[in-house]
Amino acid sequence: MNRSNGLRRQALSSLAAALLAAFALPSAAHDFKLGPLRIDHPCATSAPAGAANGAAYLRAIRNTGEEPDRLVGASTPVARAVEIHRSVVDARQVMRMRAVDGIDLPHKAEVRLRHSGEHHLRLIDLKQPLKYGDRLPMTLHFQKAGEREVTVWVQVPREASPHRH
């Protein structure tokens, strides 16, 4: 019986190590670097066939450098254009999205482009539906660091928030 417990522990330890490795690899493969910039988890929400626009997000852009930078644009072959949008509350207290010319990336700081956050990337005139599980290329354009292609993972959208584009 003692030998059986030892084998069971060894099997459980091996299974735990395999699971940790399996979950660690995809997340490590979904972070991107460009000089002092760290781009974490680019993702988009699925959009049905016929949807004109979509949205993409970045868990974070970390500027680990000593100088500020700025995200000034993005492009992807699956949309005619990509706009940087900022959430604003209008005079009637309605949340709206407005295109902006960039997002400041202060040195030694982190900026998030989240579903419920201040900024996101608007995919204008989609050329194809965004389906759960798809991977799509997107090039991020930075004022100082240059350009970096990232892979955007299409995920299931969260419950819609009450705003208009």
N, C-alpha and C. Protein backbone atom coordinates (compact mmCIF):
# COMPACT_ATOMS: atom_id res chain seq x y z
N MET A 1 0.82 -1.19 0.00
CA MET A 1 0.00 0.00 0.00
C MET A 1 0.86 1.25 0.00
N ASN A 2 1.99 1.20 0.68
CA ASN A 2 2.90 2.34 0.73
C ASN A 2 3.42 2.67 -0.66
N ARG A 3 3.74 1.61 -1.43
CA ARG A 3 4.23 1.82 -2.79
C ARG A 3 3.13 2.44 -3.67
N SER A 4 1.91 2.03 -3.47
CA SER A 4 0.77 2.56 -4.23
C SER A 4 0.59 4.06 -3.97
N ASN A 5 0.71 4.47 -2.71
CA ASN A 5 0.60 5.90 -2.38
C ASN A 5 1.73 6.70 -3.01
N GLY A 6 2.92 6.12 -3.04
CA GLY A 6 4.06 6.81 -3.65
C GLY A 6 3.87 6.99 -5.15
N LEU A 7 3.36 5.94 -5.80
CA LEU A 7 3.09 6.04 -7.24
C LEU A 7 1.99 7.06 -7.52
N ARG A 8 0.97 7.07 -6.67
CA ARG A 8 -0.13 8.02 -6.85
C ARG A 8 0.39 9.46 -6.70
N ARG A 9 1.22 9.68 -5.68
CA ARG A 9 1.79 11.03 -5.49
C ARG A 9 2.65 11.44 -6.68
N GLN A 10 3.45 10.50 -7.16
CA GLN A 10 4.31 10.80 -8.31
C GLN A 10 3.45 11.13 -9.54
N ALA A 11 2.39 10.36 -9.76
CA ALA A 11 1.51 10.62 -10.90
C ALA A 11 0.83 11.97 -10.76
N LEU A 12 0.36 12.30 -9.56
CA LEU A 12 -0.28 13.60 -9.34
C LEU A 12 0.72 14.74 -9.52
N SER A 13 1.94 14.56 -9.05
CA SER A 13 2.97 15.59 -9.23
C SER A 13 3.26 15.80 -10.71
N SER A 14 3.36 14.71 -11.46
CA SER A 14 3.62 14.82 -12.90
C SER A 14 2.46 15.51 -13.61
N LEU A 15 1.23 15.16 -13.22
CA LEU A 15 0.06 15.79 -13.82
C LEU A 15 0.03 17.28 -13.50
N ALA A 16 0.31 17.64 -12.26
CA ALA A 16 0.32 19.06 -11.87
C ALA A 16 1.38 19.83 -12.66
N ALA A 17 2.56 19.25 -12.81
CA ALA A 17 3.63 19.92 -13.57
C ALA A 17 3.22 20.09 -15.03
N ALA A 18 2.60 19.06 -15.60
CA ALA A 18 2.17 19.16 -17.00
C ALA A 18 1.10 20.23 -17.18
N LEU A 19 0.15 20.31 -16.25
CA LEU A 19 -0.89 21.33 -16.33
C LEU A 19 -0.31 22.73 -16.20
N LEU A 20 0.62 22.91 -15.27
CA LEU A 20 1.26 24.22 -15.11
C LEU A 20 1.99 24.62 -16.39
N ALA A 21 2.70 23.69 -16.97
CA ALA A 21 3.42 23.99 -18.21
C ALA A 21 2.45 24.31 -19.34
N ALA A 22 1.36 23.57 -19.43
CA ALA A 22 0.39 23.81 -20.50
C ALA A 22 -0.24 25.18 -20.38
N PHE A 23 -0.53 25.62 -19.17
CA PHE A 23 -1.15 26.93 -19.00
C PHE A 23 -0.13 28.05 -19.09
N ALA A 24 1.11 27.80 -18.78
CA ALA A 24 2.13 28.84 -18.82
C ALA A 24 2.54 29.16 -20.25
N LEU A 25 2.61 28.16 -21.12
CA LEU A 25 3.08 28.39 -22.48
C LEU A 25 2.20 29.34 -23.28
N PRO A 26 0.88 29.16 -23.31
CA PRO A 26 0.08 30.09 -24.11
C PRO A 26 0.17 31.52 -23.63
N SER A 27 0.21 31.74 -22.33
CA SER A 27 0.27 33.12 -21.85
C SER A 27 1.63 33.74 -22.16
N ALA A 28 2.69 32.97 -22.06
CA ALA A 28 4.01 33.51 -22.37
C ALA A 28 4.12 33.82 -23.86
N ALA A 29 3.44 33.02 -24.67
CA ALA A 29 3.50 33.22 -26.11
C ALA A 29 2.62 34.38 -26.57
N HIS A 30 1.84 34.94 -25.67
CA HIS A 30 0.91 35.99 -26.05
C HIS A 30 1.33 37.35 -25.51
N ASP A 31 2.54 37.47 -25.11
CA ASP A 31 3.13 38.74 -24.72
C ASP A 31 4.16 39.11 -25.78
N PHE A 32 4.27 40.40 -26.06
CA PHE A 32 5.17 40.85 -27.11
C PHE A 32 6.05 41.97 -26.58
N LYS A 33 7.25 42.09 -27.15
CA LYS A 33 8.20 43.13 -26.73
C LYS A 33 8.60 43.97 -27.93
N LEU A 34 8.85 45.24 -27.66
CA LEU A 34 9.41 46.16 -28.64
C LEU A 34 10.26 47.15 -27.85
N GLY A 35 11.57 46.93 -27.84
CA GLY A 35 12.43 47.78 -27.03
C GLY A 35 11.97 47.75 -25.58
N PRO A 36 11.72 48.92 -24.98
CA PRO A 36 11.29 48.95 -23.58
C PRO A 36 9.79 48.69 -23.38
N LEU A 37 9.06 48.46 -24.47
CA LEU A 37 7.61 48.26 -24.36
C LEU A 37 7.28 46.78 -24.26
N ARG A 38 6.36 46.46 -23.34
CA ARG A 38 5.84 45.11 -23.16
C ARG A 38 4.35 45.16 -23.45
N ILE A 39 3.90 44.38 -24.41
CA ILE A 39 2.50 44.38 -24.85
C ILE A 39 1.89 43.07 -24.38
N ASP A 40 0.88 43.17 -23.53
CA ASP A 40 0.32 42.01 -22.86
C ASP A 40 -1.09 41.70 -23.36
N HIS A 41 -1.27 40.50 -23.86
CA HIS A 41 -2.56 39.89 -24.21
C HIS A 41 -3.42 40.73 -25.15
N PRO A 42 -3.00 40.91 -26.40
CA PRO A 42 -3.90 41.54 -27.38
C PRO A 42 -5.08 40.60 -27.66
N CYS A 43 -6.28 41.12 -27.58
CA CYS A 43 -7.46 40.30 -27.83
C CYS A 43 -8.54 41.14 -28.49
N ALA A 44 -9.48 40.48 -29.12
CA ALA A 44 -10.64 41.13 -29.73
C ALA A 44 -11.87 40.36 -29.30
N THR A 45 -13.01 41.01 -29.41
CA THR A 45 -14.26 40.31 -29.13
C THR A 45 -14.86 39.82 -30.43
N SER A 46 -15.49 38.67 -30.37
CA SER A 46 -16.10 38.12 -31.58
C SER A 46 -17.19 39.05 -32.08
N ALA A 47 -17.36 39.07 -33.39
CA ALA A 47 -18.38 39.91 -34.03
C ALA A 47 -19.09 39.06 -35.07
N PRO A 48 -20.42 39.12 -35.12
CA PRO A 48 -21.16 38.27 -36.05
C PRO A 48 -20.95 38.68 -37.50
N ALA A 49 -21.25 37.76 -38.40
CA ALA A 49 -21.20 38.07 -39.83
C ALA A 49 -22.09 39.27 -40.09
N GLY A 50 -21.61 40.20 -40.89
CA GLY A 50 -22.38 41.40 -41.19
C GLY A 50 -22.09 42.57 -40.28
N ALA A 51 -21.38 42.33 -39.18
CA ALA A 51 -21.03 43.44 -38.28
C ALA A 51 -20.02 44.33 -39.01
N ALA A 52 -20.27 45.62 -38.99
CA ALA A 52 -19.39 46.55 -39.69
C ALA A 52 -18.09 46.77 -38.95
N ASN A 53 -18.15 46.80 -37.62
CA ASN A 53 -16.98 47.14 -36.81
C ASN A 53 -16.75 46.12 -35.71
N GLY A 54 -15.56 46.15 -35.16
CA GLY A 54 -15.20 45.30 -34.04
C GLY A 54 -14.33 46.09 -33.08
N ALA A 55 -13.86 45.42 -32.04
CA ALA A 55 -13.02 46.08 -31.05
C ALA A 55 -11.90 45.16 -30.62
N ALA A 56 -10.73 45.75 -30.37
CA ALA A 56 -9.58 45.02 -29.86
C ALA A 56 -9.07 45.71 -28.61
N TYR A 57 -8.44 44.92 -27.75
CA TYR A 57 -8.00 45.41 -26.45
C TYR A 57 -6.59 44.90 -26.17
N LEU A 58 -5.93 45.54 -25.24
CA LEU A 58 -4.62 45.10 -24.75
C LEU A 58 -4.72 45.07 -23.23
N ARG A 59 -4.39 43.93 -22.64
CA ARG A 59 -4.43 43.89 -21.18
C ARG A 59 -3.56 45.01 -20.62
N ALA A 60 -2.42 45.23 -21.25
CA ALA A 60 -1.56 46.34 -20.81
C ALA A 60 -0.45 46.57 -21.83
N ILE A 61 0.01 47.83 -21.87
CA ILE A 61 1.28 48.18 -22.50
C ILE A 61 2.12 48.74 -21.37
N ARG A 62 3.24 48.09 -21.10
CA ARG A 62 4.14 48.55 -20.04
C ARG A 62 5.36 49.21 -20.70
N ASN A 63 5.62 50.43 -20.30
CA ASN A 63 6.81 51.12 -20.78
C ASN A 63 7.85 51.00 -19.67
N THR A 64 8.81 50.09 -19.84
CA THR A 64 9.83 49.87 -18.82
C THR A 64 11.03 50.79 -19.00
N GLY A 65 10.98 51.62 -20.03
CA GLY A 65 12.11 52.48 -20.34
C GLY A 65 12.15 53.77 -19.54
N GLU A 66 13.15 54.57 -19.82
CA GLU A 66 13.36 55.85 -19.14
C GLU A 66 12.69 57.00 -19.87
N GLU A 67 12.23 56.77 -21.10
CA GLU A 67 11.61 57.82 -21.91
C GLU A 67 10.14 57.49 -22.17
N PRO A 68 9.29 58.50 -22.24
CA PRO A 68 7.90 58.24 -22.60
C PRO A 68 7.80 57.87 -24.08
N ASP A 69 6.70 57.24 -24.43
CA ASP A 69 6.42 56.93 -25.83
C ASP A 69 4.93 57.18 -26.04
N ARG A 70 4.44 56.82 -27.20
CA ARG A 70 3.03 57.08 -27.51
C ARG A 70 2.55 56.05 -28.53
N LEU A 71 1.41 55.42 -28.28
CA LEU A 71 0.76 54.57 -29.27
C LEU A 71 0.02 55.51 -30.21
N VAL A 72 0.40 55.51 -31.49
CA VAL A 72 -0.18 56.48 -32.43
C VAL A 72 -1.07 55.84 -33.48
N GLY A 73 -1.17 54.53 -33.49
CA GLY A 73 -2.05 53.90 -34.45
C GLY A 73 -1.87 52.39 -34.47
N ALA A 74 -2.67 51.76 -35.32
CA ALA A 74 -2.61 50.32 -35.51
C ALA A 74 -3.21 50.00 -36.87
N SER A 75 -2.90 48.82 -37.37
CA SER A 75 -3.47 48.37 -38.63
C SER A 75 -3.60 46.85 -38.60
N THR A 76 -4.55 46.35 -39.36
CA THR A 76 -4.75 44.91 -39.49
C THR A 76 -5.37 44.62 -40.84
N PRO A 77 -5.03 43.50 -41.46
CA PRO A 77 -5.61 43.18 -42.75
C PRO A 77 -7.10 42.81 -42.68
N VAL A 78 -7.65 42.61 -41.50
CA VAL A 78 -9.06 42.22 -41.40
C VAL A 78 -10.01 43.41 -41.30
N ALA A 79 -9.47 44.63 -41.30
CA ALA A 79 -10.32 45.83 -41.24
C ALA A 79 -9.73 46.91 -42.14
N ARG A 80 -10.61 47.77 -42.66
CA ARG A 80 -10.14 48.88 -43.50
C ARG A 80 -9.26 49.82 -42.70
N ALA A 81 -9.62 50.04 -41.44
CA ALA A 81 -8.86 50.97 -40.59
C ALA A 81 -8.98 50.53 -39.14
N VAL A 82 -8.04 51.01 -38.33
CA VAL A 82 -8.10 50.83 -36.88
C VAL A 82 -7.98 52.22 -36.27
N GLU A 83 -8.91 52.55 -35.40
CA GLU A 83 -8.89 53.84 -34.71
C GLU A 83 -8.70 53.60 -33.22
N ILE A 84 -7.95 54.50 -32.59
CA ILE A 84 -7.84 54.49 -31.14
C ILE A 84 -9.03 55.26 -30.60
N HIS A 85 -9.82 54.64 -29.75
CA HIS A 85 -11.00 55.29 -29.19
C HIS A 85 -10.86 55.50 -27.70
N ARG A 86 -11.45 56.59 -27.24
CA ARG A 86 -11.45 56.95 -25.82
C ARG A 86 -12.90 57.10 -25.38
N SER A 87 -13.22 56.59 -24.20
CA SER A 87 -14.55 56.74 -23.63
C SER A 87 -14.69 58.13 -23.03
N VAL A 88 -15.79 58.79 -23.38
CA VAL A 88 -16.09 60.10 -22.80
C VAL A 88 -17.56 60.13 -22.40
N VAL A 89 -17.87 60.89 -21.37
CA VAL A 89 -19.25 61.06 -20.93
C VAL A 89 -19.72 62.41 -21.46
N ASP A 90 -20.83 62.40 -22.22
CA ASP A 90 -21.31 63.65 -22.81
C ASP A 90 -22.15 64.45 -21.80
N ALA A 91 -22.69 65.58 -22.25
CA ALA A 91 -23.45 66.48 -21.37
C ALA A 91 -24.69 65.81 -20.79
N ARG A 92 -25.21 64.79 -21.48
CA ARG A 92 -26.39 64.07 -20.98
C ARG A 92 -26.00 62.87 -20.13
N GLN A 93 -24.73 62.78 -19.78
CA GLN A 93 -24.19 61.68 -18.98
C GLN A 93 -24.29 60.33 -19.70
N VAL A 94 -24.16 60.37 -21.02
CA VAL A 94 -24.15 59.15 -21.83
C VAL A 94 -22.71 58.87 -22.23
N MET A 95 -22.28 57.62 -22.02
CA MET A 95 -20.94 57.22 -22.41
C MET A 95 -20.86 57.08 -23.92
N ARG A 96 -19.88 57.75 -24.51
CA ARG A 96 -19.66 57.69 -25.96
C ARG A 96 -18.18 57.44 -26.22
N MET A 97 -17.89 56.98 -27.42
CA MET A 97 -16.52 56.74 -27.83
C MET A 97 -16.10 57.78 -28.85
N ARG A 98 -14.90 58.29 -28.70
CA ARG A 98 -14.36 59.29 -29.62
C ARG A 98 -12.98 58.83 -30.09
N ALA A 99 -12.73 59.01 -31.38
CA ALA A 99 -11.40 58.70 -31.91
C ALA A 99 -10.41 59.72 -31.39
N VAL A 100 -9.22 59.25 -31.00
CA VAL A 100 -8.14 60.13 -30.54
C VAL A 100 -6.90 59.82 -31.37
N ASP A 101 -5.94 60.75 -31.35
CA ASP A 101 -4.76 60.57 -32.20
C ASP A 101 -3.66 59.75 -31.55
N GLY A 102 -3.85 59.30 -30.33
CA GLY A 102 -2.84 58.48 -29.68
C GLY A 102 -3.08 58.33 -28.20
N ILE A 103 -2.26 57.50 -27.59
CA ILE A 103 -2.30 57.27 -26.15
C ILE A 103 -0.89 57.44 -25.61
N ASP A 104 -0.73 58.33 -24.65
CA ASP A 104 0.58 58.53 -24.03
C ASP A 104 0.97 57.31 -23.21
N LEU A 105 2.25 56.95 -23.30
CA LEU A 105 2.81 55.84 -22.55
C LEU A 105 3.95 56.38 -21.69
N PRO A 106 3.64 56.88 -20.49
CA PRO A 106 4.68 57.45 -19.63
C PRO A 106 5.75 56.41 -19.31
N HIS A 107 6.97 56.87 -19.04
CA HIS A 107 8.03 55.93 -18.69
C HIS A 107 7.73 55.30 -17.33
N LYS A 108 8.15 54.05 -17.20
CA LYS A 108 7.96 53.27 -15.97
C LYS A 108 6.49 53.20 -15.57
N ALA A 109 5.59 53.10 -16.56
CA ALA A 109 4.16 53.06 -16.27
C ALA A 109 3.47 52.03 -17.16
N GLU A 110 2.21 51.77 -16.83
CA GLU A 110 1.40 50.81 -17.56
C GLU A 110 0.10 51.47 -18.00
N VAL A 111 -0.31 51.20 -19.23
CA VAL A 111 -1.58 51.71 -19.77
C VAL A 111 -2.38 50.50 -20.22
N ARG A 112 -3.68 50.49 -19.87
CA ARG A 112 -4.56 49.37 -20.23
C ARG A 112 -5.59 49.81 -21.26
N LEU A 113 -5.82 48.97 -22.23
CA LEU A 113 -6.89 49.16 -23.20
C LEU A 113 -7.85 48.00 -22.98
N ARG A 114 -8.83 48.23 -22.12
CA ARG A 114 -9.72 47.16 -21.67
C ARG A 114 -11.15 47.39 -22.12
N HIS A 115 -11.93 46.33 -22.09
CA HIS A 115 -13.33 46.38 -22.50
C HIS A 115 -14.09 47.44 -21.71
N SER A 116 -13.86 47.52 -20.43
CA SER A 116 -14.57 48.49 -19.59
C SER A 116 -13.70 49.69 -19.25
N GLY A 117 -12.62 49.88 -19.98
CA GLY A 117 -11.67 50.93 -19.64
C GLY A 117 -11.84 52.19 -20.47
N GLU A 118 -10.85 53.05 -20.36
CA GLU A 118 -10.90 54.35 -21.01
C GLU A 118 -10.63 54.27 -22.52
N HIS A 119 -9.79 53.32 -22.96
CA HIS A 119 -9.41 53.24 -24.37
C HIS A 119 -9.63 51.83 -24.93
N HIS A 120 -9.80 51.75 -26.24
CA HIS A 120 -9.77 50.49 -26.98
C HIS A 120 -9.43 50.79 -28.44
N LEU A 121 -9.19 49.75 -29.20
CA LEU A 121 -8.89 49.89 -30.63
C LEU A 121 -10.14 49.48 -31.41
N ARG A 122 -10.66 50.40 -32.20
CA ARG A 122 -11.88 50.15 -32.98
C ARG A 122 -11.49 49.67 -34.36
N LEU A 123 -11.98 48.49 -34.75
CA LEU A 123 -11.71 47.92 -36.06
C LEU A 123 -12.85 48.36 -36.98
N ILE A 124 -12.53 49.21 -37.95
CA ILE A 124 -13.52 49.84 -38.81
C ILE A 124 -13.67 49.07 -40.13
N ASP A 125 -14.90 48.81 -40.53
CA ASP A 125 -15.21 48.10 -41.78
C ASP A 125 -14.50 46.75 -41.85
N LEU A 126 -14.97 45.84 -41.02
CA LEU A 126 -14.40 44.49 -41.00
C LEU A 126 -14.54 43.83 -42.37
N LYS A 127 -13.49 43.14 -42.78
CA LYS A 127 -13.51 42.43 -44.06
C LYS A 127 -13.98 40.99 -43.88
N GLN A 128 -14.05 40.55 -42.63
CA GLN A 128 -14.50 39.20 -42.31
C GLN A 128 -15.02 39.21 -40.88
N PRO A 129 -15.90 38.27 -40.54
CA PRO A 129 -16.39 38.21 -39.16
C PRO A 129 -15.24 37.84 -38.21
N LEU A 130 -15.31 38.31 -36.99
CA LEU A 130 -14.36 37.92 -35.96
C LEU A 130 -14.99 36.77 -35.20
N LYS A 131 -14.43 35.57 -35.33
CA LYS A 131 -15.01 34.39 -34.72
C LYS A 131 -14.15 33.93 -33.54
N TYR A 132 -14.84 33.48 -32.49
CA TYR A 132 -14.17 32.96 -31.31
C TYR A 132 -13.11 31.94 -31.74
N GLY A 133 -11.92 32.11 -31.19
CA GLY A 133 -10.82 31.20 -31.49
C GLY A 133 -9.91 31.66 -32.61
N ASP A 134 -10.35 32.62 -33.41
CA ASP A 134 -9.50 33.14 -34.49
C ASP A 134 -8.28 33.84 -33.93
N ARG A 135 -7.23 33.87 -34.72
CA ARG A 135 -6.03 34.66 -34.42
C ARG A 135 -5.83 35.59 -35.61
N LEU A 136 -5.59 36.86 -35.34
CA LEU A 136 -5.39 37.78 -36.45
C LEU A 136 -4.18 38.67 -36.18
N PRO A 137 -3.47 39.03 -37.26
CA PRO A 137 -2.31 39.90 -37.09
C PRO A 137 -2.75 41.36 -36.95
N MET A 138 -2.04 42.08 -36.13
CA MET A 138 -2.26 43.53 -35.99
C MET A 138 -0.90 44.17 -35.77
N THR A 139 -0.66 45.26 -36.45
CA THR A 139 0.58 46.01 -36.26
C THR A 139 0.28 47.24 -35.43
N LEU A 140 0.99 47.38 -34.31
CA LEU A 140 0.86 48.55 -33.45
C LEU A 140 1.95 49.54 -33.84
N HIS A 141 1.59 50.82 -33.93
CA HIS A 141 2.52 51.87 -34.34
C HIS A 141 2.80 52.79 -33.15
N PHE A 142 4.08 52.88 -32.78
CA PHE A 142 4.50 53.72 -31.66
C PHE A 142 5.35 54.87 -32.17
N GLN A 143 5.22 56.01 -31.54
CA GLN A 143 5.92 57.22 -31.97
C GLN A 143 7.44 57.04 -31.95
N LYS A 144 7.99 56.47 -30.90
CA LYS A 144 9.45 56.33 -30.77
C LYS A 144 9.93 54.91 -31.03
N ALA A 145 9.25 53.92 -30.49
CA ALA A 145 9.73 52.54 -30.57
C ALA A 145 9.55 51.93 -31.96
N GLY A 146 8.64 52.50 -32.76
CA GLY A 146 8.43 51.97 -34.10
C GLY A 146 7.19 51.08 -34.17
N GLU A 147 7.28 50.01 -34.94
CA GLU A 147 6.14 49.14 -35.17
C GLU A 147 6.39 47.75 -34.61
N ARG A 148 5.30 47.11 -34.18
CA ARG A 148 5.40 45.73 -33.69
C ARG A 148 4.15 44.98 -34.10
N GLU A 149 4.32 43.88 -34.84
CA GLU A 149 3.17 43.03 -35.15
C GLU A 149 2.89 42.13 -33.96
N VAL A 150 1.63 42.03 -33.61
CA VAL A 150 1.18 41.17 -32.52
C VAL A 150 0.10 40.24 -33.06
N THR A 151 -0.18 39.21 -32.32
CA THR A 151 -1.27 38.30 -32.66
C THR A 151 -2.43 38.57 -31.71
N VAL A 152 -3.57 38.90 -32.28
CA VAL A 152 -4.77 39.20 -31.50
C VAL A 152 -5.63 37.94 -31.44
N TRP A 153 -5.99 37.53 -30.23
CA TRP A 153 -6.83 36.36 -30.04
C TRP A 153 -8.28 36.82 -29.94
N VAL A 154 -9.16 36.21 -30.69
CA VAL A 154 -10.58 36.56 -30.63
C VAL A 154 -11.24 35.74 -29.52
N GLN A 155 -11.88 36.46 -28.62
CA GLN A 155 -12.52 35.86 -27.44
C GLN A 155 -14.02 36.12 -27.47
N VAL A 156 -14.73 35.46 -26.57
CA VAL A 156 -16.17 35.70 -26.42
C VAL A 156 -16.35 37.07 -25.79
N PRO A 157 -17.26 37.90 -26.33
CA PRO A 157 -17.45 39.24 -25.75
C PRO A 157 -18.10 39.18 -24.38
N ARG A 158 -17.74 40.15 -23.55
CA ARG A 158 -18.42 40.31 -22.26
C ARG A 158 -19.79 40.92 -22.52
N GLU A 159 -20.61 40.95 -21.49
CA GLU A 159 -21.93 41.56 -21.63
C GLU A 159 -21.76 43.00 -22.08
N ALA A 160 -22.57 43.41 -23.02
CA ALA A 160 -22.45 44.75 -23.60
C ALA A 160 -22.66 45.83 -22.55
N SER A 161 -21.88 46.88 -22.66
CA SER A 161 -22.04 48.02 -21.76
C SER A 161 -22.89 49.08 -22.47
N PRO A 162 -23.56 49.95 -21.72
CA PRO A 162 -24.46 50.93 -22.34
C PRO A 162 -23.72 52.14 -22.89
N HIS A 163 -23.12 52.01 -24.06
CA HIS A 163 -22.48 53.15 -24.72
C HIS A 163 -22.74 53.08 -26.21
N ARG A 164 -22.47 54.17 -26.89
CA ARG A 164 -22.71 54.24 -28.34
C ARG A 164 -21.43 54.66 -29.05
N HIS A 165 -21.27 54.16 -30.25
CA HIS A 165 -20.13 54.55 -31.10
C HIS A 165 -20.61 55.42 -32.21
